[in-house]
Amino acid sequence: MLVFRWAILLLLLLAGVSFAYYAGTGQLKYRRFGWVVLKWTLLAALGFFAVLIAERVA
């Protein structure tokens, strides 16, 4: 479980760094990459926490 939390945290950090690169350089590829990473990280996090909640309920 700790590994998944760290993975989510590192992916959110990666998205933040990508947006910072976009702010610094203005290149759209960094913004696109940041949005893709952020989208899939949030979906994975929601799925992970949904499994945790379902495990506690059952």
C-alpha atoms as a PDB file:
ATOM      1  CA  MET A   1       0.000   0.000   0.000  1.00  0.00           C
ATOM      2  CA  LEU A   2       2.869   2.344   0.796  1.00  0.00           C
ATOM      3  CA  VAL A   3       4.326   1.743  -2.669  1.00  0.00           C
ATOM      4  CA  PHE A   4       1.085   2.876  -4.330  1.00  0.00           C
ATOM      5  CA  ARG A   5       0.936   6.012  -2.218  1.00  0.00           C
ATOM      6  CA  TRP A   6       4.520   6.885  -3.121  1.00  0.00           C
ATOM      7  CA  ALA A   7       3.859   6.184  -6.790  1.00  0.00           C
ATOM      8  CA  ILE A   8       0.848   8.514  -6.773  1.00  0.00           C
ATOM      9  CA  LEU A   9       2.844  11.194  -4.972  1.00  0.00           C
ATOM     10  CA  LEU A  10       5.748  10.936  -7.421  1.00  0.00           C
ATOM     11  CA  LEU A  11       3.437  11.054 -10.435  1.00  0.00           C
ATOM     12  CA  LEU A  12       1.742  14.182  -9.066  1.00  0.00           C
ATOM     13  CA  LEU A  13       5.183  15.682  -8.554  1.00  0.00           C
ATOM     14  CA  LEU A  14       6.091  14.774 -12.147  1.00  0.00           C
ATOM     15  CA  ALA A  15       2.974  16.547 -13.406  1.00  0.00           C
ATOM     16  CA  GLY A  16       3.871  19.612 -11.327  1.00  0.00           C
ATOM     17  CA  VAL A  17       7.410  19.667 -12.716  1.00  0.00           C
ATOM     18  CA  SER A  18       6.020  19.340 -16.218  1.00  0.00           C
ATOM     19  CA  PHE A  19       3.735  22.340 -15.671  1.00  0.00           C
ATOM     20  CA  ALA A  20       6.682  24.290 -14.253  1.00  0.00           C
ATOM     21  CA  TYR A  21       8.691  23.482 -17.399  1.00  0.00           C
ATOM     22  CA  TYR A  22       5.750  24.694 -19.477  1.00  0.00           C
ATOM     23  CA  ALA A  23       5.604  27.927 -17.471  1.00  0.00           C
ATOM     24  CA  GLY A  24       9.340  28.408 -17.947  1.00  0.00           C
ATOM     25  CA  THR A  25       9.666  27.504 -21.612  1.00  0.00           C
ATOM     26  CA  GLY A  26       6.192  27.988 -23.077  1.00  0.00           C
ATOM     27  CA  GLN A  27       6.437  24.716 -25.025  1.00  0.00           C
ATOM     28  CA  LEU A  28       3.068  23.006 -25.337  1.00  0.00           C
ATOM     29  CA  LYS A  29       4.523  19.494 -25.154  1.00  0.00           C
ATOM     30  CA  TYR A  30       5.183  19.947 -21.417  1.00  0.00           C
ATOM     31  CA  ARG A  31       1.625  21.092 -20.756  1.00  0.00           C
ATOM     32  CA  ARG A  32       0.167  18.169 -22.720  1.00  0.00           C
ATOM     33  CA  PHE A  33       2.392  15.691 -20.915  1.00  0.00           C
ATOM     34  CA  GLY A  34       1.464  17.218 -17.548  1.00  0.00           C
ATOM     35  CA  TRP A  35      -2.256  16.906 -18.261  1.00  0.00           C
ATOM     36  CA  VAL A  36      -1.922  13.293 -19.388  1.00  0.00           C
ATOM     37  CA  VAL A  37       0.083  12.344 -16.296  1.00  0.00           C
ATOM     38  CA  LEU A  38      -2.304  14.238 -14.007  1.00  0.00           C
ATOM     39  CA  LYS A  39      -5.402  12.671 -15.576  1.00  0.00           C
ATOM     40  CA  TRP A  40      -4.167   9.092 -15.315  1.00  0.00           C
ATOM     41  CA  THR A  41      -2.721   9.643 -11.844  1.00  0.00           C
ATOM     42  CA  LEU A  42      -6.038  10.940 -10.531  1.00  0.00           C
ATOM     43  CA  LEU A  43      -7.930   8.064 -12.143  1.00  0.00           C
ATOM     44  CA  ALA A  44      -5.520   5.540 -10.635  1.00  0.00           C
ATOM     45  CA  ALA A  45      -5.730   7.223  -7.233  1.00  0.00           C
ATOM     46  CA  LEU A  46      -9.536   7.211  -7.304  1.00  0.00           C
ATOM     47  CA  GLY A  47      -9.527   3.530  -8.231  1.00  0.00           C
ATOM     48  CA  PHE A  48      -7.014   2.711  -5.501  1.00  0.00           C
ATOM     49  CA  PHE A  49      -8.962   4.514  -2.811  1.00  0.00           C
ATOM     50  CA  ALA A  50     -12.251   3.032  -4.055  1.00  0.00           C
ATOM     51  CA  VAL A  51     -10.769  -0.419  -3.522  1.00  0.00           C
ATOM     52  CA  LEU A  52      -9.644   0.572  -0.022  1.00  0.00           C
ATOM     53  CA  ILE A  53     -13.107   1.879   0.859  1.00  0.00           C
ATOM     54  CA  ALA A  54     -14.815  -1.195  -0.573  1.00  0.00           C
ATOM     55  CA  GLU A  55     -12.452  -3.398   1.418  1.00  0.00           C
ATOM     56  CA  ARG A  56     -13.405  -1.650   4.666  1.00  0.00           C
ATOM     57  CA  VAL A  57     -17.133  -1.812   3.936  1.00  0.00           C
ATOM     58  CA  ALA A  58     -17.143  -5.513   3.126  1.00  0.00           C
END
